[in-house]
Amino acid sequence: MIKILAIGNSMYPTMLDKNYYFMENIVFEDLHVKDIIVFQYQDMVISHRIVKKMQSKNGTIFLKTKGDNCVKADDFAVTKRMVLRRIII
């Protein structure tokens, strides 16, 4: 298994700043609301919780994510190609 170092407090209290967490490989279609995923957005690697799973008219699946310690959800959708792994808590 691979570990990731959490930096920041967006996932507090579930994930603590400067602590390591294990990640696992996943099949994108098997992700669920409440899973914590690691994904790439622009030049950042982010660990946030899935709060909504959406499907477009053409069948493409998108994820809405949010940090546990954040007031609002992220202002972008997460696609299959952005997802790297799932956090094991």
N, C-alpha and C. Protein backbone atom coordinates (compact mmCIF):
# COMPACT_ATOMS: atom_id res chain seq x y z
N MET A 1 0.84 -1.20 0.00
CA MET A 1 0.00 0.00 0.00
C MET A 1 0.88 1.24 0.00
N ILE A 2 0.32 2.29 -0.51
CA ILE A 2 1.02 3.57 -0.61
C ILE A 2 0.47 4.52 0.46
N LYS A 3 1.37 5.32 1.05
CA LYS A 3 0.96 6.32 2.03
C LYS A 3 0.99 7.71 1.40
N ILE A 4 0.16 8.59 1.94
CA ILE A 4 0.16 9.99 1.55
C ILE A 4 0.24 10.84 2.80
N LEU A 5 0.97 11.93 2.72
CA LEU A 5 1.08 12.88 3.82
C LEU A 5 0.01 13.95 3.67
N ALA A 6 -0.83 14.08 4.67
CA ALA A 6 -1.87 15.12 4.65
C ALA A 6 -1.23 16.46 5.02
N ILE A 7 -1.49 17.46 4.21
CA ILE A 7 -1.00 18.81 4.48
C ILE A 7 -2.20 19.74 4.46
N GLY A 8 -2.45 20.40 5.58
CA GLY A 8 -3.58 21.31 5.68
C GLY A 8 -4.68 20.74 6.55
N ASN A 9 -5.73 21.52 6.71
CA ASN A 9 -6.81 21.17 7.64
C ASN A 9 -8.17 21.03 6.97
N SER A 10 -8.22 20.91 5.65
CA SER A 10 -9.52 20.84 4.97
C SER A 10 -10.30 19.58 5.33
N MET A 11 -9.62 18.52 5.75
CA MET A 11 -10.31 17.27 6.10
C MET A 11 -10.36 17.03 7.61
N TYR A 12 -10.01 18.04 8.43
CA TYR A 12 -10.09 17.94 9.88
C TYR A 12 -11.54 17.72 10.31
N PRO A 13 -11.87 16.89 11.23
CA PRO A 13 -11.01 16.10 12.11
C PRO A 13 -10.71 14.68 11.58
N THR A 14 -11.23 14.34 10.40
CA THR A 14 -11.03 12.99 9.89
C THR A 14 -9.56 12.72 9.56
N MET A 15 -8.93 13.69 8.90
CA MET A 15 -7.52 13.58 8.56
C MET A 15 -6.79 14.77 9.19
N LEU A 16 -5.70 14.49 9.86
CA LEU A 16 -4.97 15.53 10.57
C LEU A 16 -3.74 15.98 9.79
N ASP A 17 -3.45 17.26 9.88
CA ASP A 17 -2.30 17.86 9.21
C ASP A 17 -1.01 17.15 9.64
N LYS A 18 -0.16 16.85 8.66
CA LYS A 18 1.16 16.23 8.86
C LYS A 18 1.08 14.77 9.33
N ASN A 19 -0.06 14.12 9.15
CA ASN A 19 -0.18 12.68 9.42
C ASN A 19 -0.19 11.94 8.10
N TYR A 20 0.25 10.68 8.14
CA TYR A 20 0.25 9.83 6.95
C TYR A 20 -0.99 8.95 6.93
N TYR A 21 -1.51 8.71 5.71
CA TYR A 21 -2.68 7.86 5.53
C TYR A 21 -2.44 6.90 4.38
N PHE A 22 -2.98 5.70 4.51
CA PHE A 22 -2.85 4.70 3.45
C PHE A 22 -3.87 4.97 2.35
N MET A 23 -3.44 4.66 1.11
CA MET A 23 -4.32 4.79 -0.04
C MET A 23 -4.42 3.43 -0.72
N GLU A 24 -5.54 3.21 -1.41
CA GLU A 24 -5.71 1.98 -2.17
C GLU A 24 -6.14 2.29 -3.59
N ASN A 25 -5.80 1.39 -4.50
CA ASN A 25 -6.27 1.50 -5.87
C ASN A 25 -7.78 1.28 -5.89
N ILE A 26 -8.44 1.88 -6.84
CA ILE A 26 -9.89 1.76 -6.92
C ILE A 26 -10.34 1.64 -8.37
N VAL A 27 -11.55 1.17 -8.52
CA VAL A 27 -12.25 1.23 -9.81
C VAL A 27 -13.20 2.42 -9.68
N PHE A 28 -13.06 3.39 -10.56
CA PHE A 28 -13.81 4.64 -10.46
C PHE A 28 -15.31 4.40 -10.28
N GLU A 29 -15.86 3.48 -11.03
CA GLU A 29 -17.31 3.22 -10.97
C GLU A 29 -17.75 2.65 -9.61
N ASP A 30 -16.81 2.13 -8.82
CA ASP A 30 -17.12 1.56 -7.51
C ASP A 30 -17.03 2.57 -6.36
N LEU A 31 -16.70 3.82 -6.68
CA LEU A 31 -16.65 4.84 -5.63
C LEU A 31 -18.05 5.21 -5.18
N HIS A 32 -18.16 5.58 -3.89
CA HIS A 32 -19.46 5.90 -3.30
C HIS A 32 -19.41 7.25 -2.59
N VAL A 33 -20.57 7.85 -2.41
CA VAL A 33 -20.69 9.02 -1.56
C VAL A 33 -20.15 8.64 -0.19
N LYS A 34 -19.40 9.53 0.42
CA LYS A 34 -18.72 9.39 1.72
C LYS A 34 -17.30 8.84 1.59
N ASP A 35 -16.92 8.26 0.44
CA ASP A 35 -15.53 7.84 0.26
C ASP A 35 -14.64 9.07 0.23
N ILE A 36 -13.41 8.93 0.73
CA ILE A 36 -12.41 9.99 0.63
C ILE A 36 -11.45 9.59 -0.49
N ILE A 37 -11.34 10.47 -1.47
CA ILE A 37 -10.50 10.16 -2.62
C ILE A 37 -9.32 11.13 -2.71
N VAL A 38 -8.29 10.68 -3.39
CA VAL A 38 -7.14 11.51 -3.72
C VAL A 38 -7.22 11.77 -5.21
N PHE A 39 -7.20 13.04 -5.59
CA PHE A 39 -7.33 13.38 -7.01
C PHE A 39 -6.43 14.56 -7.36
N GLN A 40 -6.15 14.68 -8.63
CA GLN A 40 -5.33 15.78 -9.14
C GLN A 40 -6.25 16.84 -9.72
N TYR A 41 -6.05 18.07 -9.28
CA TYR A 41 -6.78 19.21 -9.82
C TYR A 41 -5.76 20.30 -10.14
N GLN A 42 -5.62 20.60 -11.39
CA GLN A 42 -4.59 21.53 -11.87
C GLN A 42 -3.23 21.04 -11.36
N ASP A 43 -2.50 21.84 -10.59
CA ASP A 43 -1.19 21.42 -10.11
C ASP A 43 -1.22 20.93 -8.66
N MET A 44 -2.40 20.61 -8.16
CA MET A 44 -2.54 20.17 -6.76
C MET A 44 -3.02 18.73 -6.68
N VAL A 45 -2.60 18.04 -5.62
CA VAL A 45 -3.15 16.73 -5.27
C VAL A 45 -3.99 16.97 -4.02
N ILE A 46 -5.26 16.60 -4.10
CA ILE A 46 -6.24 16.92 -3.04
C ILE A 46 -6.87 15.64 -2.52
N SER A 47 -7.11 15.60 -1.21
CA SER A 47 -7.87 14.51 -0.58
C SER A 47 -9.15 15.12 -0.01
N HIS A 48 -10.28 14.80 -0.60
CA HIS A 48 -11.59 15.28 -0.13
C HIS A 48 -12.61 14.17 -0.22
N ARG A 49 -13.72 14.37 0.46
CA ARG A 49 -14.80 13.39 0.52
C ARG A 49 -15.78 13.57 -0.63
N ILE A 50 -16.25 12.47 -1.18
CA ILE A 50 -17.30 12.53 -2.21
C ILE A 50 -18.62 12.85 -1.51
N VAL A 51 -19.28 13.91 -1.95
CA VAL A 51 -20.58 14.28 -1.37
C VAL A 51 -21.73 14.05 -2.34
N LYS A 52 -21.39 13.86 -3.63
CA LYS A 52 -22.44 13.61 -4.61
C LYS A 52 -21.83 12.93 -5.83
N LYS A 53 -22.57 11.99 -6.39
CA LYS A 53 -22.17 11.31 -7.62
C LYS A 53 -23.22 11.64 -8.66
N MET A 54 -22.77 12.22 -9.79
CA MET A 54 -23.71 12.69 -10.82
C MET A 54 -23.40 12.01 -12.14
N GLN A 55 -24.41 11.95 -12.99
CA GLN A 55 -24.22 11.36 -14.32
C GLN A 55 -24.81 12.31 -15.37
N SER A 56 -24.03 12.58 -16.41
CA SER A 56 -24.50 13.45 -17.48
C SER A 56 -25.44 12.68 -18.40
N LYS A 57 -26.06 13.37 -19.31
CA LYS A 57 -26.99 12.73 -20.25
C LYS A 57 -26.31 11.68 -21.12
N ASN A 58 -25.01 11.88 -21.39
CA ASN A 58 -24.29 10.91 -22.21
C ASN A 58 -23.69 9.77 -21.39
N GLY A 59 -23.96 9.75 -20.07
CA GLY A 59 -23.52 8.65 -19.21
C GLY A 59 -22.22 8.88 -18.47
N THR A 60 -21.57 10.01 -18.70
CA THR A 60 -20.32 10.31 -18.01
C THR A 60 -20.60 10.57 -16.53
N ILE A 61 -19.80 9.96 -15.65
CA ILE A 61 -19.97 10.13 -14.21
C ILE A 61 -19.03 11.23 -13.72
N PHE A 62 -19.56 12.10 -12.87
CA PHE A 62 -18.80 13.18 -12.24
C PHE A 62 -19.00 13.08 -10.74
N LEU A 63 -18.00 13.51 -9.99
CA LEU A 63 -18.08 13.51 -8.54
C LEU A 63 -18.01 14.93 -8.02
N LYS A 64 -18.82 15.23 -7.01
CA LYS A 64 -18.73 16.49 -6.29
C LYS A 64 -18.03 16.17 -4.97
N THR A 65 -17.04 16.96 -4.60
CA THR A 65 -16.24 16.69 -3.41
C THR A 65 -16.23 17.89 -2.47
N LYS A 66 -15.85 17.61 -1.22
CA LYS A 66 -15.80 18.66 -0.20
C LYS A 66 -14.88 18.22 0.92
N GLY A 67 -14.11 19.14 1.43
CA GLY A 67 -13.32 18.87 2.63
C GLY A 67 -14.25 18.87 3.84
N ASP A 68 -14.02 17.95 4.77
CA ASP A 68 -14.88 17.86 5.95
C ASP A 68 -14.92 19.16 6.76
N ASN A 69 -13.83 19.92 6.72
CA ASN A 69 -13.72 21.15 7.48
C ASN A 69 -14.03 22.39 6.64
N CYS A 70 -14.55 22.19 5.44
CA CYS A 70 -14.87 23.30 4.54
C CYS A 70 -16.36 23.60 4.58
N VAL A 71 -16.71 24.86 4.44
CA VAL A 71 -18.10 25.27 4.46
C VAL A 71 -18.82 24.85 3.18
N LYS A 72 -18.14 25.01 2.04
CA LYS A 72 -18.75 24.73 0.74
C LYS A 72 -18.03 23.59 0.02
N ALA A 73 -18.76 22.97 -0.88
CA ALA A 73 -18.17 21.94 -1.73
C ALA A 73 -17.20 22.59 -2.70
N ASP A 74 -16.30 21.79 -3.25
CA ASP A 74 -15.37 22.29 -4.26
C ASP A 74 -16.16 22.83 -5.45
N ASP A 75 -15.64 23.87 -6.09
CA ASP A 75 -16.37 24.51 -7.19
C ASP A 75 -16.03 23.92 -8.55
N PHE A 76 -15.70 22.65 -8.57
CA PHE A 76 -15.41 21.94 -9.82
C PHE A 76 -15.86 20.48 -9.65
N ALA A 77 -16.09 19.81 -10.76
CA ALA A 77 -16.45 18.40 -10.73
C ALA A 77 -15.20 17.56 -10.92
N VAL A 78 -15.14 16.42 -10.27
CA VAL A 78 -14.02 15.50 -10.40
C VAL A 78 -14.40 14.42 -11.41
N THR A 79 -13.54 14.22 -12.38
CA THR A 79 -13.77 13.22 -13.42
C THR A 79 -12.91 11.98 -13.17
N LYS A 80 -13.21 10.93 -13.90
CA LYS A 80 -12.50 9.66 -13.77
C LYS A 80 -10.99 9.83 -13.92
N ARG A 81 -10.57 10.62 -14.89
CA ARG A 81 -9.13 10.74 -15.14
C ARG A 81 -8.39 11.54 -14.06
N MET A 82 -9.13 12.26 -13.21
CA MET A 82 -8.52 13.03 -12.13
C MET A 82 -8.25 12.18 -10.89
N VAL A 83 -9.00 11.10 -10.71
CA VAL A 83 -8.92 10.31 -9.47
C VAL A 83 -7.69 9.41 -9.48
N LEU A 84 -6.93 9.48 -8.38
CA LEU A 84 -5.71 8.69 -8.24
C LEU A 84 -5.92 7.46 -7.35
N ARG A 85 -6.52 7.65 -6.19
CA ARG A 85 -6.71 6.56 -5.23
C ARG A 85 -7.81 6.93 -4.23
N ARG A 86 -8.12 5.96 -3.34
CA ARG A 86 -9.07 6.18 -2.23
C ARG A 86 -8.29 6.07 -0.92
N ILE A 87 -8.63 6.92 0.02
CA ILE A 87 -8.00 6.89 1.35
C ILE A 87 -8.64 5.80 2.19
N ILE A 88 -7.82 5.09 2.95
CA ILE A 88 -8.30 4.09 3.89
C ILE A 88 -8.25 4.70 5.29
N ILE A 89 -9.40 4.84 5.92
CA ILE A 89 -9.47 5.41 7.28
C ILE A 89 -9.92 4.31 8.22
